[in-house]
Amino acid sequence: MAAVTVPVPIATSYFQYDQQGVVFNMWYFGWFDDAMTQFLTEVGYPYTTLNADGFDVQLVHTEADWRDAVRYGEQVVVDVATERIGSTSFTLSFGVRVGDQVRSTGRTVYVVVSTDGSGKRPVPSKLRAGLESVLADR
């Protein structure tokens, strides 16, 4: 089965571009983070609700592969899908594209933690349900 993704539009800014006229590589990781929070809203468990319920997420691993640059003025969309759900963690995959052309791909592993500082927590049922709704390669 094909991956189910949530498209998240990303606004680029002039300051994100380097002397080569392309988006500097670190901004892709910022886009992944922005896309994750918007993605949670789209799957029915907004980040603010996650926090209000006493949970947060910590990034424990992230990676990216670049295929082509994003140039000034191009409109970017990040496609987000759930790659894996564990007992206390989950992995999201990201595809940065301009139109139909994928410019970068990435993945990030998040661990669910308590907002009171007491450590890891099981993936809450509301979050699990949202993540399962866009689980890649079911």
N, C-alpha and C. Protein backbone atom coordinates (compact mmCIF):
# COMPACT_ATOMS: atom_id res chain seq x y z
N MET A 1 0.85 -1.18 0.00
CA MET A 1 0.00 0.00 0.00
C MET A 1 0.89 1.24 0.00
N ALA A 2 0.49 2.25 -0.73
CA ALA A 2 1.25 3.50 -0.79
C ALA A 2 1.19 4.22 0.55
N ALA A 3 2.22 4.99 0.80
CA ALA A 3 2.26 5.77 2.03
C ALA A 3 1.18 6.85 2.01
N VAL A 4 0.56 7.07 3.15
CA VAL A 4 -0.40 8.15 3.30
C VAL A 4 0.35 9.31 3.94
N THR A 5 0.28 10.49 3.31
CA THR A 5 1.01 11.64 3.84
C THR A 5 0.08 12.80 4.09
N VAL A 6 0.54 13.70 4.94
CA VAL A 6 -0.14 14.96 5.20
C VAL A 6 0.75 16.06 4.63
N PRO A 7 0.26 16.82 3.63
CA PRO A 7 1.08 17.91 3.07
C PRO A 7 1.02 19.14 3.97
N VAL A 8 2.20 19.70 4.28
CA VAL A 8 2.29 20.88 5.14
C VAL A 8 3.03 21.98 4.36
N PRO A 9 2.32 23.06 3.98
CA PRO A 9 3.00 24.17 3.29
C PRO A 9 3.97 24.87 4.24
N ILE A 10 5.13 25.25 3.72
CA ILE A 10 6.17 25.92 4.52
C ILE A 10 6.48 27.26 3.86
N ALA A 11 6.48 28.31 4.64
CA ALA A 11 6.85 29.63 4.14
C ALA A 11 8.36 29.80 4.23
N THR A 12 8.99 30.10 3.12
CA THR A 12 10.43 30.36 3.16
C THR A 12 10.64 31.87 3.30
N SER A 13 11.80 32.21 3.84
CA SER A 13 12.15 33.61 4.07
C SER A 13 13.51 33.91 3.48
N TYR A 14 13.71 35.14 3.11
CA TYR A 14 14.96 35.57 2.50
C TYR A 14 16.18 35.16 3.32
N PHE A 15 16.09 35.29 4.66
CA PHE A 15 17.25 35.02 5.51
C PHE A 15 17.66 33.55 5.52
N GLN A 16 16.85 32.66 4.99
CA GLN A 16 17.17 31.23 4.97
C GLN A 16 18.11 30.85 3.82
N TYR A 17 18.36 31.78 2.92
CA TYR A 17 19.15 31.49 1.73
C TYR A 17 20.61 31.89 1.94
N ASP A 18 21.52 31.08 1.37
CA ASP A 18 22.94 31.34 1.54
C ASP A 18 23.51 32.04 0.30
N GLN A 19 24.83 32.19 0.25
CA GLN A 19 25.48 32.90 -0.85
C GLN A 19 25.33 32.18 -2.19
N GLN A 20 24.98 30.90 -2.14
CA GLN A 20 24.76 30.15 -3.38
C GLN A 20 23.35 30.34 -3.92
N GLY A 21 22.50 31.07 -3.16
CA GLY A 21 21.13 31.33 -3.59
C GLY A 21 20.18 30.18 -3.34
N VAL A 22 20.57 29.29 -2.43
CA VAL A 22 19.72 28.15 -2.09
C VAL A 22 19.50 28.14 -0.58
N VAL A 23 18.46 27.43 -0.15
CA VAL A 23 18.19 27.33 1.29
C VAL A 23 19.35 26.61 1.97
N PHE A 24 19.88 27.22 3.02
CA PHE A 24 20.96 26.62 3.79
C PHE A 24 20.45 25.34 4.45
N ASN A 25 21.28 24.30 4.48
CA ASN A 25 20.84 22.96 4.88
C ASN A 25 20.20 22.86 6.26
N MET A 26 20.60 23.65 7.22
CA MET A 26 20.03 23.52 8.57
C MET A 26 18.54 23.85 8.62
N TRP A 27 18.06 24.67 7.67
CA TRP A 27 16.65 25.06 7.69
C TRP A 27 15.73 23.89 7.41
N TYR A 28 16.21 22.88 6.70
CA TYR A 28 15.38 21.71 6.44
C TYR A 28 14.96 21.06 7.76
N PHE A 29 15.88 21.02 8.72
CA PHE A 29 15.55 20.42 10.03
C PHE A 29 14.52 21.27 10.77
N GLY A 30 14.60 22.59 10.62
CA GLY A 30 13.57 23.46 11.19
C GLY A 30 12.23 23.21 10.53
N TRP A 31 12.25 23.00 9.21
CA TRP A 31 11.00 22.71 8.49
C TRP A 31 10.40 21.39 8.98
N PHE A 32 11.25 20.39 9.22
CA PHE A 32 10.75 19.11 9.74
C PHE A 32 10.03 19.34 11.07
N ASP A 33 10.62 20.17 11.93
CA ASP A 33 10.02 20.44 13.24
C ASP A 33 8.68 21.18 13.09
N ASP A 34 8.65 22.20 12.24
CA ASP A 34 7.40 22.91 11.99
C ASP A 34 6.35 21.96 11.41
N ALA A 35 6.78 21.13 10.48
CA ALA A 35 5.85 20.19 9.84
C ALA A 35 5.30 19.19 10.85
N MET A 36 6.14 18.75 11.80
CA MET A 36 5.67 17.81 12.82
C MET A 36 4.54 18.42 13.64
N THR A 37 4.70 19.67 14.07
CA THR A 37 3.65 20.27 14.90
C THR A 37 2.37 20.50 14.10
N GLN A 38 2.49 20.91 12.85
CA GLN A 38 1.30 21.07 12.00
C GLN A 38 0.66 19.72 11.70
N PHE A 39 1.49 18.71 11.50
CA PHE A 39 1.03 17.35 11.24
C PHE A 39 0.16 16.85 12.40
N LEU A 40 0.61 17.09 13.64
CA LEU A 40 -0.17 16.63 14.80
C LEU A 40 -1.55 17.26 14.80
N THR A 41 -1.66 18.52 14.42
CA THR A 41 -2.97 19.16 14.31
C THR A 41 -3.80 18.47 13.24
N GLU A 42 -3.21 18.20 12.10
CA GLU A 42 -3.92 17.57 10.98
C GLU A 42 -4.44 16.17 11.32
N VAL A 43 -3.71 15.45 12.18
CA VAL A 43 -4.15 14.09 12.52
C VAL A 43 -5.00 14.07 13.78
N GLY A 44 -5.39 15.26 14.27
CA GLY A 44 -6.37 15.34 15.34
C GLY A 44 -5.86 15.43 16.76
N TYR A 45 -4.55 15.64 16.95
CA TYR A 45 -4.02 15.77 18.30
C TYR A 45 -3.00 16.91 18.32
N PRO A 46 -3.49 18.16 18.33
CA PRO A 46 -2.59 19.31 18.26
C PRO A 46 -1.51 19.29 19.35
N TYR A 47 -0.37 19.85 19.01
CA TYR A 47 0.77 19.89 19.94
C TYR A 47 0.38 20.56 21.25
N THR A 48 -0.44 21.61 21.18
CA THR A 48 -0.87 22.30 22.41
C THR A 48 -1.72 21.38 23.29
N THR A 49 -2.53 20.53 22.67
CA THR A 49 -3.33 19.57 23.43
C THR A 49 -2.44 18.49 24.02
N LEU A 50 -1.46 18.03 23.26
CA LEU A 50 -0.49 17.06 23.75
C LEU A 50 0.15 17.61 25.03
N ASN A 51 0.59 18.86 24.99
CA ASN A 51 1.21 19.48 26.16
C ASN A 51 0.23 19.64 27.30
N ALA A 52 -1.00 20.07 27.01
CA ALA A 52 -2.02 20.23 28.04
C ALA A 52 -2.35 18.90 28.72
N ASP A 53 -2.19 17.81 27.98
CA ASP A 53 -2.42 16.48 28.55
C ASP A 53 -1.22 15.96 29.34
N GLY A 54 -0.17 16.79 29.44
CA GLY A 54 0.99 16.42 30.25
C GLY A 54 2.11 15.72 29.49
N PHE A 55 2.08 15.80 28.15
CA PHE A 55 3.09 15.12 27.33
C PHE A 55 3.84 16.11 26.46
N ASP A 56 5.04 15.71 26.08
CA ASP A 56 5.83 16.43 25.11
C ASP A 56 6.62 15.39 24.33
N VAL A 57 7.35 15.82 23.31
CA VAL A 57 8.21 14.90 22.57
C VAL A 57 9.62 15.46 22.54
N GLN A 58 10.58 14.55 22.58
CA GLN A 58 11.99 14.92 22.44
C GLN A 58 12.54 14.24 21.20
N LEU A 59 13.24 15.00 20.40
CA LEU A 59 13.91 14.47 19.23
C LEU A 59 15.12 13.67 19.70
N VAL A 60 15.24 12.43 19.24
CA VAL A 60 16.40 11.62 19.63
C VAL A 60 17.26 11.23 18.43
N HIS A 61 16.71 11.38 17.22
CA HIS A 61 17.50 11.11 16.01
C HIS A 61 16.83 11.82 14.85
N THR A 62 17.65 12.41 13.99
CA THR A 62 17.12 12.99 12.76
C THR A 62 18.16 12.85 11.67
N GLU A 63 17.68 12.76 10.43
CA GLU A 63 18.59 12.65 9.30
C GLU A 63 17.91 13.23 8.07
N ALA A 64 18.72 13.61 7.09
CA ALA A 64 18.18 14.15 5.84
C ALA A 64 19.09 13.78 4.68
N ASP A 65 18.48 13.65 3.53
CA ASP A 65 19.20 13.44 2.28
C ASP A 65 18.71 14.51 1.30
N TRP A 66 19.66 15.16 0.64
CA TRP A 66 19.32 16.22 -0.30
C TRP A 66 19.46 15.70 -1.72
N ARG A 67 18.45 16.02 -2.55
CA ARG A 67 18.47 15.63 -3.96
C ARG A 67 18.71 16.83 -4.86
N ASP A 68 18.14 17.97 -4.45
CA ASP A 68 18.28 19.20 -5.22
C ASP A 68 17.98 20.36 -4.27
N ALA A 69 18.43 21.53 -4.63
CA ALA A 69 18.27 22.70 -3.76
C ALA A 69 16.89 23.32 -3.89
N VAL A 70 16.49 24.01 -2.84
CA VAL A 70 15.32 24.90 -2.89
C VAL A 70 15.88 26.29 -3.13
N ARG A 71 15.37 26.94 -4.16
CA ARG A 71 15.87 28.25 -4.56
C ARG A 71 14.90 29.35 -4.12
N TYR A 72 15.44 30.56 -4.05
CA TYR A 72 14.65 31.71 -3.61
C TYR A 72 13.36 31.83 -4.42
N GLY A 73 12.25 32.03 -3.71
CA GLY A 73 10.96 32.24 -4.34
C GLY A 73 10.16 30.98 -4.61
N GLU A 74 10.76 29.80 -4.42
CA GLU A 74 10.02 28.56 -4.66
C GLU A 74 9.11 28.25 -3.48
N GLN A 75 7.94 27.71 -3.78
CA GLN A 75 6.97 27.33 -2.76
C GLN A 75 7.25 25.90 -2.32
N VAL A 76 7.41 25.71 -1.01
CA VAL A 76 7.80 24.42 -0.46
C VAL A 76 6.61 23.77 0.27
N VAL A 77 6.48 22.46 0.08
CA VAL A 77 5.53 21.65 0.84
C VAL A 77 6.32 20.50 1.44
N VAL A 78 6.04 20.20 2.71
CA VAL A 78 6.66 19.05 3.35
C VAL A 78 5.57 18.00 3.54
N ASP A 79 5.77 16.83 2.93
CA ASP A 79 4.85 15.72 3.12
C ASP A 79 5.32 14.93 4.34
N VAL A 80 4.40 14.66 5.26
CA VAL A 80 4.73 13.98 6.51
C VAL A 80 3.93 12.69 6.61
N ALA A 81 4.58 11.62 7.00
CA ALA A 81 3.91 10.34 7.22
C ALA A 81 4.49 9.68 8.46
N THR A 82 3.71 8.84 9.08
CA THR A 82 4.20 8.04 10.19
C THR A 82 4.93 6.84 9.62
N GLU A 83 6.16 6.66 10.03
CA GLU A 83 6.96 5.53 9.56
C GLU A 83 6.89 4.36 10.54
N ARG A 84 6.87 4.68 11.83
CA ARG A 84 6.91 3.63 12.85
C ARG A 84 6.33 4.18 14.15
N ILE A 85 5.63 3.31 14.90
CA ILE A 85 5.15 3.66 16.23
C ILE A 85 5.63 2.57 17.18
N GLY A 86 6.37 2.97 18.21
CA GLY A 86 6.84 2.03 19.23
C GLY A 86 6.03 2.21 20.50
N SER A 87 6.57 1.72 21.60
CA SER A 87 5.85 1.84 22.87
C SER A 87 5.99 3.25 23.47
N THR A 88 7.18 3.86 23.34
CA THR A 88 7.39 5.22 23.86
C THR A 88 7.89 6.18 22.79
N SER A 89 8.06 5.72 21.57
CA SER A 89 8.61 6.57 20.52
C SER A 89 7.84 6.38 19.21
N PHE A 90 8.09 7.32 18.29
CA PHE A 90 7.54 7.20 16.95
C PHE A 90 8.49 7.87 15.97
N THR A 91 8.40 7.45 14.72
CA THR A 91 9.26 7.99 13.67
C THR A 91 8.38 8.59 12.58
N LEU A 92 8.70 9.81 12.19
CA LEU A 92 8.03 10.46 11.09
C LEU A 92 8.98 10.57 9.92
N SER A 93 8.45 10.41 8.70
CA SER A 93 9.25 10.64 7.50
C SER A 93 8.78 11.92 6.86
N PHE A 94 9.71 12.61 6.19
CA PHE A 94 9.45 13.90 5.59
C PHE A 94 9.93 13.90 4.15
N GLY A 95 9.17 14.52 3.29
CA GLY A 95 9.57 14.74 1.91
C GLY A 95 9.38 16.21 1.58
N VAL A 96 10.48 16.91 1.34
CA VAL A 96 10.42 18.33 1.00
C VAL A 96 10.32 18.42 -0.52
N ARG A 97 9.26 19.08 -0.98
CA ARG A 97 9.10 19.15 -2.43
C ARG A 97 8.71 20.56 -2.87
N VAL A 98 9.02 20.81 -4.13
CA VAL A 98 8.59 22.01 -4.83
C VAL A 98 7.77 21.48 -6.00
N GLY A 99 6.47 21.74 -5.97
CA GLY A 99 5.59 21.12 -6.96
C GLY A 99 5.62 19.61 -6.77
N ASP A 100 5.91 18.89 -7.83
CA ASP A 100 6.00 17.43 -7.75
C ASP A 100 7.43 16.94 -7.55
N GLN A 101 8.40 17.85 -7.53
CA GLN A 101 9.80 17.46 -7.45
C GLN A 101 10.27 17.40 -5.99
N VAL A 102 10.66 16.21 -5.55
CA VAL A 102 11.18 16.05 -4.18
C VAL A 102 12.61 16.57 -4.16
N ARG A 103 12.86 17.50 -3.25
CA ARG A 103 14.19 18.11 -3.14
C ARG A 103 15.00 17.52 -1.99
N SER A 104 14.29 17.01 -0.96
CA SER A 104 14.97 16.43 0.20
C SER A 104 14.03 15.46 0.88
N THR A 105 14.61 14.45 1.52
CA THR A 105 13.83 13.54 2.35
C THR A 105 14.50 13.46 3.71
N GLY A 106 13.72 13.08 4.70
CA GLY A 106 14.29 12.96 6.04
C GLY A 106 13.41 12.11 6.93
N ARG A 107 13.92 11.87 8.10
CA ARG A 107 13.16 11.13 9.11
C ARG A 107 13.64 11.56 10.47
N THR A 108 12.72 11.56 11.41
CA THR A 108 13.03 11.95 12.78
C THR A 108 12.35 10.98 13.74
N VAL A 109 13.10 10.58 14.76
CA VAL A 109 12.57 9.73 15.83
C VAL A 109 12.32 10.62 17.04
N TYR A 110 11.11 10.54 17.58
CA TYR A 110 10.70 11.30 18.75
C TYR A 110 10.37 10.34 19.88
N VAL A 111 10.72 10.71 21.11
CA VAL A 111 10.34 9.96 22.30
C VAL A 111 9.34 10.81 23.07
N VAL A 112 8.26 10.17 23.53
CA VAL A 112 7.25 10.86 24.33
C VAL A 112 7.76 10.96 25.77
N VAL A 113 7.68 12.16 26.32
CA VAL A 113 8.10 12.40 27.70
C VAL A 113 7.00 13.14 28.44
N SER A 114 7.10 13.12 29.76
CA SER A 114 6.16 13.85 30.59
C SER A 114 6.60 15.30 30.70
N THR A 115 5.64 16.22 30.74
CA THR A 115 6.00 17.63 30.89
C THR A 115 6.48 17.97 32.29
N ASP A 116 6.29 17.06 33.26
CA ASP A 116 6.74 17.34 34.62
C ASP A 116 8.20 16.94 34.85
N GLY A 117 8.88 16.49 33.77
CA GLY A 117 10.29 16.15 33.87
C GLY A 117 10.58 14.76 34.39
N SER A 118 9.55 13.93 34.52
CA SER A 118 9.75 12.60 35.10
C SER A 118 10.14 11.53 34.08
N GLY A 119 10.35 11.91 32.84
CA GLY A 119 10.91 10.97 31.87
C GLY A 119 9.95 10.46 30.81
N LYS A 120 10.37 9.34 30.17
CA LYS A 120 9.62 8.75 29.07
C LYS A 120 8.25 8.27 29.50
N ARG A 121 7.33 8.32 28.55
CA ARG A 121 5.96 7.84 28.76
C ARG A 121 5.53 7.03 27.55
N PRO A 122 4.60 6.12 27.72
CA PRO A 122 4.04 5.42 26.56
C PRO A 122 3.35 6.42 25.62
N VAL A 123 3.35 6.10 24.33
CA VAL A 123 2.66 6.95 23.36
C VAL A 123 1.19 7.02 23.77
N PRO A 124 0.66 8.22 24.06
CA PRO A 124 -0.74 8.34 24.49
C PRO A 124 -1.69 7.82 23.40
N SER A 125 -2.83 7.28 23.82
CA SER A 125 -3.78 6.67 22.88
C SER A 125 -4.25 7.67 21.82
N LYS A 126 -4.47 8.94 22.18
CA LYS A 126 -4.91 9.94 21.19
C LYS A 126 -3.83 10.18 20.14
N LEU A 127 -2.59 10.22 20.58
CA LEU A 127 -1.48 10.40 19.65
C LEU A 127 -1.32 9.17 18.77
N ARG A 128 -1.38 8.00 19.38
CA ARG A 128 -1.26 6.74 18.63
C ARG A 128 -2.32 6.66 17.53
N ALA A 129 -3.55 7.03 17.86
CA ALA A 129 -4.64 6.98 16.86
C ALA A 129 -4.35 7.91 15.70
N GLY A 130 -3.88 9.11 15.99
CA GLY A 130 -3.55 10.05 14.92
C GLY A 130 -2.40 9.55 14.06
N LEU A 131 -1.36 9.04 14.71
CA LEU A 131 -0.20 8.52 13.98
C LEU A 131 -0.60 7.34 13.10
N GLU A 132 -1.44 6.46 13.62
CA GLU A 132 -1.87 5.28 12.86
C GLU A 132 -2.69 5.67 11.63
N SER A 133 -3.35 6.83 11.67
CA SER A 133 -4.18 7.24 10.53
C SER A 133 -3.35 7.55 9.29
N VAL A 134 -2.07 7.79 9.44
CA VAL A 134 -1.18 8.07 8.32
C VAL A 134 0.08 7.22 8.40
N LEU A 135 -0.09 5.97 8.74
CA LEU A 135 1.03 5.04 8.87
C LEU A 135 1.47 4.59 7.48
N ALA A 136 2.75 4.79 7.16
CA ALA A 136 3.30 4.41 5.87
C ALA A 136 3.40 2.89 5.78
N ASP A 137 3.23 2.39 4.57
CA ASP A 137 3.43 0.96 4.26
C ASP A 137 2.69 0.04 5.22
N ARG A 138 1.40 0.25 5.35
CA ARG A 138 0.60 -0.60 6.23
C ARG A 138 0.48 -2.00 5.71
